[in-house]
Each structure stands twice: as structure tokens, then as C-alpha cells.
């Protein structure tokens, strides 16, 4: 049986496909936000369960957020999560690259 590729190799191969690359780029800001929230939680030395308790929500709701559930989450809620992590949420607009 062939060895499964690691994620980096899989991602590089997948992004060679123009349709996959387009969808990936469309979700880039969400991926970056997920990474920032996870880094902040770990820096605060909080488990998902501990963060959930602080926010008076369930651990699965934190897992959903960290799994990419930001698209339907309000800025207000994201700000509360950031605050619980000792951070502030900043939202900005940036001009898109023109082709």
C-alpha cells in the first residue's frame, strides 16, 4: 500500500489545480483567522474546554470555530472570544489585487 502524503505535500499538489487554488484563495482570510485564534488560545495556555467555560459556551462550539466556523459568526462573538484570550479583534478592509 502506498504511503499517504503529509499535509504539506498534499496541499502543494492540490493547489496545482486552478479550481482548487481559486477556492483556497477565497478562504485564505478565514484560514489565517483560524490560525491566529488557535495560536492565541495556546499562548494563553487555555484548552478548548477552559476557553469554553470562560465564555459560557460548550467545548464543541470552540472546536467548530477552530475548525473553520467563522463564516457565520458575528464580529461581536469573535470579539468576545478574542477578549477572553487577552486579545483585541481588529477588522480592516484591504484593496484586492487587480489582474
Protein backbone atom coordinates (compact mmCIF):
# COMPACT_ATOMS: atom_id res chain seq x y z
CA UNK A 1 0.00 0.00 0.00
CA UNK A 2 1.30 3.47 -0.90
CA UNK A 3 2.26 5.83 1.91
CA UNK A 4 -0.12 8.74 2.41
CA UNK A 5 1.42 12.16 1.69
CA UNK A 6 1.91 14.60 4.54
CA UNK A 7 -0.37 17.64 4.56
CA UNK A 8 2.21 19.99 3.04
CA UNK A 9 2.78 17.68 0.06
CA UNK A 10 -0.96 17.12 -0.34
CA UNK A 11 -1.64 20.87 -0.26
CA UNK A 12 1.09 21.64 -2.80
CA UNK A 13 -0.28 19.01 -5.15
CA UNK A 14 -3.90 20.11 -4.69
CA UNK A 15 -3.07 23.78 -5.34
CA UNK A 16 -1.75 22.88 -8.78
CA UNK A 17 -5.40 22.54 -9.78
CA UNK A 18 -6.70 26.01 -10.77
CA UNK A 19 -10.20 25.42 -9.35
CA UNK A 20 -8.85 24.21 -6.01
CA UNK A 21 -6.40 27.13 -5.87
CA UNK A 22 -9.22 29.63 -6.57
CA UNK A 23 -11.38 28.21 -3.74
CA UNK A 24 -8.39 28.07 -1.39
CA UNK A 25 -7.58 31.73 -2.08
CA UNK A 26 -11.23 32.67 -1.47
CA UNK A 27 -10.95 31.12 2.02
CA UNK A 28 -7.43 32.38 2.82
CA UNK A 29 -8.55 35.09 5.27
CA UNK A 30 -10.67 32.57 7.18
CA UNK A 31 -7.74 30.11 7.37
CA UNK A 32 -5.47 32.88 8.65
CA UNK A 33 -8.01 33.90 11.29
CA UNK A 34 -8.36 30.30 12.47
CA UNK A 35 -4.59 30.04 12.88
CA UNK A 36 -4.48 33.31 14.84
CA UNK A 37 -7.22 32.21 17.25
CA UNK A 38 -5.59 28.82 17.86
CA UNK A 39 -2.18 30.46 18.45
CA UNK A 40 -3.75 32.95 20.88
CA UNK A 41 -5.55 30.18 22.78
CA UNK A 42 -2.36 28.18 23.10
CA UNK A 43 -0.37 31.27 24.12
CA UNK A 44 -2.99 31.91 26.82
CA UNK A 45 -2.45 28.28 27.89
CA UNK A 46 -6.13 27.50 27.60
CA UNK A 47 -7.67 24.27 26.38
CA UNK A 48 -10.79 24.46 24.24
CA UNK A 49 -12.76 23.37 27.32
CA UNK A 50 -11.23 26.10 29.50
CA UNK A 51 -11.93 28.77 26.88
CA UNK A 52 -15.48 27.50 26.51
CA UNK A 53 -16.01 27.71 30.26
CA UNK A 54 -14.71 31.29 30.28
CA UNK A 55 -17.15 32.20 27.52
CA UNK A 56 -20.03 30.18 28.98
CA UNK A 57 -20.35 28.10 25.82
CA UNK A 58 -19.69 24.44 25.06
CA UNK A 59 -16.32 23.00 24.07
CA UNK A 60 -17.75 21.74 20.75
CA UNK A 61 -18.66 25.34 19.85
CA UNK A 62 -15.00 26.32 20.30
CA UNK A 63 -13.95 23.30 18.23
CA UNK A 64 -16.36 24.39 15.47
CA UNK A 65 -14.87 27.90 15.48
CA UNK A 66 -11.35 26.47 15.27
CA UNK A 67 -12.47 24.12 12.52
CA UNK A 68 -13.47 26.96 10.26
CA UNK A 69 -16.82 28.05 11.59
CA UNK A 70 -16.14 31.79 11.39
CA UNK A 71 -18.12 32.47 8.23
CA UNK A 72 -21.44 32.64 10.06
CA UNK A 73 -20.09 34.01 13.35
CA UNK A 74 -20.73 37.64 14.25
CA UNK A 75 -17.91 40.09 14.76
CA UNK A 76 -19.33 40.64 18.25
CA UNK A 77 -18.86 36.97 19.15
CA UNK A 78 -15.38 36.85 17.65
CA UNK A 79 -14.53 39.94 19.67
CA UNK A 80 -15.70 38.19 22.86
CA UNK A 81 -13.51 35.18 22.06
CA UNK A 82 -10.54 37.46 21.37
CA UNK A 83 -11.16 39.31 24.63
CA UNK A 84 -11.26 36.04 26.59
CA UNK A 85 -7.87 35.24 25.07
CA UNK A 86 -6.44 38.57 26.17
CA UNK A 87 -6.51 39.96 22.63
CA UNK A 88 -8.47 42.53 20.69
CA UNK A 89 -10.11 41.88 17.35
CA UNK A 90 -9.30 44.30 14.56
CA UNK A 91 -11.21 44.24 11.30
CA UNK A 92 -9.89 46.05 8.25
CA UNK A 93 -10.54 46.34 4.56
CA UNK A 94 -7.75 45.87 2.08
CA UNK A 95 -7.91 46.50 -1.64
CA UNK A 96 -7.85 43.37 -3.74
CA UNK A 97 -5.05 42.80 -6.20
CA UNK A 98 -6.12 43.77 -9.67
CA UNK A 99 -5.24 41.46 -12.52
